[in-house]
């Protein structure tokens, strides 16, 4: 097995799977006009995509799974998760700001 398959990024996802999430792939409109090599490469790409999608299904919680359960590709699932978690980060930041304000108010009351 080559090192390419073992290399992982900081999230623990193998690099050969992460590449398909970043770039996605185009499903050809017609398989009939392709060479044997192109068909073989497409089959390998589909397997990588489905493996990555399976990986994503297994690492998300139930509420996120419901959002990605019916997607066709790992890139599509990742895009949905990215938007969902970005929104969660914004909510956390607003909540944190509100809590800081409350904390500062309590500190000022203690000094009085």
Foldseek 3Di string as FASTA:
>chain_A
DDVQQVDDDPVRDRPVLVVCLVPPDDDDPDPPPDDPVVVVVVVVSQVSFVVLVVVVCVPDDPVLCVVCVPDDTNNVSVVSVVVVVVVVVVVVVVVVVVVVVVVVVVVVVVVD
